Amino acid sequence: MPIELTAADFKTEVTESSVPVIIKAFATWCGPCIQMGPIFKEIEKLFVGKVKFLELNVDQARDLAIQFGITSIPTILFIKNGVVVNKEIGYLDAEALTNSIQQFIK
């Protein structure tokens, strides 16, 4: 189950993470975000121990959304060593998300 990211736990969950991090930026009112929710949770099971999956509610953690330059949702951020190395904007189906993650962890 993805952890919901807040500014308070950003350092622990992202900056100090020993594994790469994937953050799904979403809002509860966003249709494509809602559709991606189950996909994100299912894909997480394939990468246990290899990648940390987090969710960022842009309405509740506005400062983080601004910090990451999120202007459209859903947005998937791929982070290694605390640095965003890739960003996917818009709905991704299971195959597209899996492919993006596999490229990310190579």
Protein backbone atom coordinates (compact mmCIF):
# COMPACT_ATOMS: atom_id res chain seq x y z
CA MET A 1 0.00 0.00 0.00
CA PRO A 2 1.59 3.32 -1.02
CA ILE A 3 2.41 5.72 1.79
CA GLU A 4 0.83 9.18 1.58
CA LEU A 5 3.68 11.69 1.54
CA THR A 6 3.61 14.85 3.65
CA ALA A 7 6.12 17.64 4.09
CA ALA A 8 6.82 16.33 7.60
CA ASP A 9 8.03 12.94 6.38
CA PHE A 10 9.59 14.04 3.07
CA LYS A 11 13.17 13.81 4.31
CA THR A 12 12.72 10.34 5.82
CA GLU A 13 10.66 8.89 2.96
CA VAL A 14 12.38 10.49 -0.05
CA THR A 15 15.74 12.14 0.65
CA GLU A 16 17.02 9.41 2.98
CA SER A 17 15.46 6.47 1.12
CA SER A 18 17.85 3.59 0.46
CA VAL A 19 15.88 2.61 -2.68
CA PRO A 20 14.57 4.68 -5.61
CA VAL A 21 11.23 6.39 -5.00
CA ILE A 22 8.15 6.74 -7.19
CA ILE A 23 5.59 9.37 -6.24
CA LYS A 24 2.10 9.53 -7.72
CA ALA A 25 0.78 13.08 -7.44
CA PHE A 26 -3.02 13.04 -7.34
CA ALA A 27 -6.19 14.72 -6.12
CA THR A 28 -9.33 13.07 -4.81
CA TRP A 29 -11.45 14.90 -7.40
CA CYS A 30 -9.30 13.83 -10.40
CA GLY A 31 -10.93 11.09 -12.51
CA PRO A 32 -7.72 9.76 -14.15
CA CYS A 33 -6.03 9.80 -10.72
CA ILE A 34 -8.82 7.67 -9.28
CA GLN A 35 -8.52 5.25 -12.23
CA MET A 36 -4.75 4.93 -11.66
CA GLY A 37 -5.11 4.24 -7.92
CA PRO A 38 -5.68 0.46 -8.19
CA ILE A 39 -3.05 0.16 -10.94
CA PHE A 40 -0.45 1.95 -8.80
CA LYS A 41 -1.20 -0.35 -5.85
CA GLU A 42 -1.05 -3.49 -8.00
CA ILE A 43 2.23 -2.51 -9.69
CA GLU A 44 3.77 -1.79 -6.28
CA LYS A 45 3.54 -5.53 -5.50
CA LEU A 46 5.83 -6.30 -8.46
CA PHE A 47 8.65 -4.09 -7.17
CA VAL A 48 8.68 -4.78 -3.41
CA GLY A 49 12.14 -4.02 -2.02
CA LYS A 50 13.31 -2.44 -5.29
CA VAL A 51 11.29 0.79 -5.28
CA LYS A 52 9.37 2.77 -2.65
CA PHE A 53 5.88 3.85 -3.76
CA LEU A 54 4.44 7.07 -2.33
CA GLU A 55 1.35 9.14 -3.04
CA LEU A 56 1.20 12.92 -2.89
CA ASN A 57 -2.21 14.56 -2.47
CA VAL A 58 -1.63 17.91 -4.19
CA ASP A 59 -4.46 19.55 -2.25
CA GLN A 60 -3.11 18.51 1.16
CA ALA A 61 0.61 18.92 0.42
CA ARG A 62 0.53 21.98 -1.79
CA ASP A 63 4.09 23.06 -0.90
CA LEU A 64 5.51 19.74 -2.11
CA ALA A 65 3.44 19.91 -5.30
CA ILE A 66 4.89 23.38 -5.98
CA GLN A 67 8.40 22.20 -5.09
CA PHE A 68 8.13 19.41 -7.68
CA GLY A 69 6.61 21.72 -10.30
CA ILE A 70 3.43 19.67 -10.60
CA THR A 71 1.02 21.54 -12.87
CA SER A 72 -1.08 18.61 -14.08
CA ILE A 73 -2.30 15.43 -12.45
CA PRO A 74 -1.81 12.58 -12.32
CA THR A 75 1.96 12.99 -12.40
CA ILE A 76 4.42 10.22 -11.62
CA LEU A 77 7.82 11.33 -10.29
CA PHE A 78 10.83 9.02 -10.42
CA ILE A 79 13.42 9.94 -7.78
CA LYS A 80 16.92 8.56 -7.17
CA ASN A 81 19.11 9.85 -4.36
CA GLY A 82 16.60 12.63 -3.65
CA VAL A 83 16.67 13.95 -7.24
CA VAL A 84 13.83 13.75 -9.78
CA VAL A 85 15.26 11.86 -12.76
CA ASN A 86 12.03 11.45 -14.73
CA LYS A 87 8.45 12.71 -14.73
CA GLU A 88 5.44 11.16 -16.47
CA ILE A 89 2.35 13.36 -16.79
CA GLY A 90 -1.13 11.97 -17.35
CA TYR A 91 -2.84 8.61 -17.02
CA LEU A 92 -0.65 5.52 -17.43
CA ASP A 93 -2.09 2.04 -17.81
CA ALA A 94 -0.45 -0.91 -16.05
CA GLU A 95 1.81 -1.80 -18.98
CA ALA A 96 3.05 1.78 -19.51
CA LEU A 97 3.67 2.28 -15.78
CA THR A 98 5.51 -1.05 -15.49
CA ASN A 99 7.69 -0.21 -18.49
CA SER A 100 8.54 3.23 -17.07
CA ILE A 101 9.50 1.69 -13.72
CA GLN A 102 11.65 -0.99 -15.35
CA GLN A 103 13.55 1.68 -17.29
CA PHE A 104 13.90 3.71 -14.09
CA ILE A 105 15.48 0.93 -12.01
CA LYS A 106 17.97 -0.28 -14.65
